[in-house]
Protein backbone atom coordinates (compact mmCIF):
# COMPACT_ATOMS: atom_id res chain seq x y z
CA MET A 1 -1.64 -11.33 -2.05
CA VAL A 2 -0.62 -7.73 -0.80
CA LEU A 3 -3.44 -6.94 1.29
CA GLY A 4 -4.22 -3.49 2.88
CA HIS A 5 -6.84 -2.62 5.18
CA GLN A 6 -9.46 0.19 6.10
CA ARG A 7 -8.22 2.32 9.22
CA CYS A 8 -4.71 0.96 9.12
CA GLY A 9 -3.06 2.46 12.18
CA ALA A 10 0.61 2.21 10.74
CA VAL A 11 -0.55 4.30 7.70
CA LYS A 12 -2.47 6.57 9.96
CA ALA A 13 0.34 7.19 12.03
CA ALA A 14 2.65 7.57 9.15
CA TYR A 15 0.68 9.84 7.27
CA ALA A 16 0.36 12.04 10.53
CA SER A 17 4.48 11.91 10.60
CA LEU A 18 4.93 13.03 7.25
CA HIS A 19 2.02 15.40 7.15
CA ASN A 20 2.85 17.40 10.16
CA ASP A 21 6.99 16.97 9.68
CA LYS A 22 7.28 15.13 13.06
CA PRO A 23 9.28 11.93 13.05
CA LEU A 24 8.05 8.99 15.29
CA ALA A 25 9.96 7.52 17.79
CA GLY A 26 12.62 4.85 17.46
CA ASN A 27 12.09 2.27 14.90
CA LEU A 28 8.80 3.38 13.97
CA GLN A 29 10.37 5.99 11.81
CA ALA A 30 11.45 2.97 9.48
CA ILE A 31 7.78 2.37 8.69
CA VAL A 32 7.23 5.85 8.06
CA LYS A 33 10.22 5.96 5.60
CA ALA A 34 8.85 2.79 3.99
CA LEU A 35 5.32 4.41 3.45
CA GLN A 36 6.74 8.18 2.09
CA PRO A 37 6.23 6.74 -1.51
CA ALA A 38 2.28 6.14 -0.80
CA TYR A 39 2.15 9.38 1.28
CA GLU A 40 3.76 11.47 -1.82
CA GLN A 41 1.45 9.37 -4.21
CA THR A 42 -1.50 10.34 -1.74
CA VAL A 43 -0.68 14.06 -1.62
CA ARG A 44 -0.69 14.11 -5.55
CA GLU A 45 -3.85 12.27 -6.23
CA GLY A 46 -5.92 13.94 -3.04
CA GLY A 47 -8.98 12.18 -1.97
CA ALA A 48 -11.80 12.41 0.57
CA ASP A 49 -9.98 10.29 2.83
CA PRO A 50 -6.06 10.73 2.77
CA VAL A 51 -5.37 7.66 5.18
CA ASP A 52 -7.72 5.35 2.88
CA THR A 53 -5.91 6.60 -0.22
CA MET A 54 -2.54 6.06 1.11
CA ALA A 55 -3.46 2.43 2.17
CA ARG A 56 -4.66 1.57 -1.25
CA ALA A 57 -1.34 3.66 -2.71
CA GLN A 58 0.86 1.17 -0.47
CA VAL A 59 -1.01 -1.95 -1.90
CA GLU A 60 -0.49 -0.92 -5.19
CA LEU A 61 3.34 0.25 -4.88
CA THR A 62 4.02 -3.05 -3.08
CA ALA A 63 2.21 -5.27 -5.67
CA THR A 64 4.12 -3.52 -8.63
CA GLU A 65 7.48 -3.77 -6.74
CA LEU A 66 7.02 -7.72 -6.14
CA ARG A 67 5.99 -8.16 -10.07
CA SER A 68 9.04 -6.43 -10.67
CA ASN A 69 11.13 -8.33 -8.53
CA GLN A 70 13.72 -10.25 -10.47
CA ASP A 71 13.17 -13.44 -9.15
CA LEU A 72 9.20 -13.09 -9.37
CA ALA A 73 8.91 -11.07 -12.69
CA PRO A 74 9.72 -14.25 -14.86
CA LEU A 75 7.18 -16.26 -13.25
CA VAL A 76 4.51 -13.41 -13.40
CA ALA A 77 5.59 -13.03 -17.22
CA LYS A 78 4.93 -16.95 -17.70
CA GLY A 79 1.60 -16.68 -16.02
CA ALA A 80 2.84 -19.22 -13.03
CA LEU A 81 2.38 -16.59 -10.57
CA ALA A 82 0.07 -13.81 -9.66
CA VAL A 83 0.53 -10.88 -7.47
CA VAL A 84 -2.57 -9.26 -6.39
CA GLY A 85 -3.29 -6.19 -4.76
CA ALA A 86 -6.40 -5.95 -2.33
CA TYR A 87 -8.16 -3.99 0.03
CA TYR A 88 -10.04 -4.98 3.00
CA SER A 89 -13.13 -3.10 4.40
CA LEU A 90 -13.47 -3.55 7.99
CA ASP A 91 -16.81 -1.73 7.66
CA THR A 92 -18.32 -4.60 5.33
CA GLY A 93 -15.99 -7.22 5.45
CA ARG A 94 -15.43 -7.31 1.61
CA VAL A 95 -11.87 -7.64 -0.12
CA GLU A 96 -11.68 -5.28 -3.26
CA VAL A 97 -9.05 -6.48 -5.71
CA LEU A 98 -7.10 -3.45 -6.77
CA ALA A 99 -4.76 -4.94 -9.24
CA GLY A 100 -2.93 -7.97 -10.64
CA ALA A 101 -5.81 -10.65 -10.59
CA PRO A 102 -5.71 -13.39 -13.07
CA SER A 103 -7.68 -13.32 -15.91
């Protein structure tokens, strides 16, 4: 399971860094770089809460990447493995499955 969560501090910091074009210090910039595809998707999609949108986008991008991994993809194709993307709401305590739940 790839699980993102509401009000993620790493996503919030990365969003601010990319939005304001201000790199973060030291190794934190590696996190910003890793989250950049989710930021770009967020900018394209818009939404009321860009940090929330970015967190969800990161979950979906990571789950998709795992499903297409050369070692995992055959297992996913056979149904022996499910890579599920989900989002945890801190407000409600609920987990929302975004993609990949077995049928």
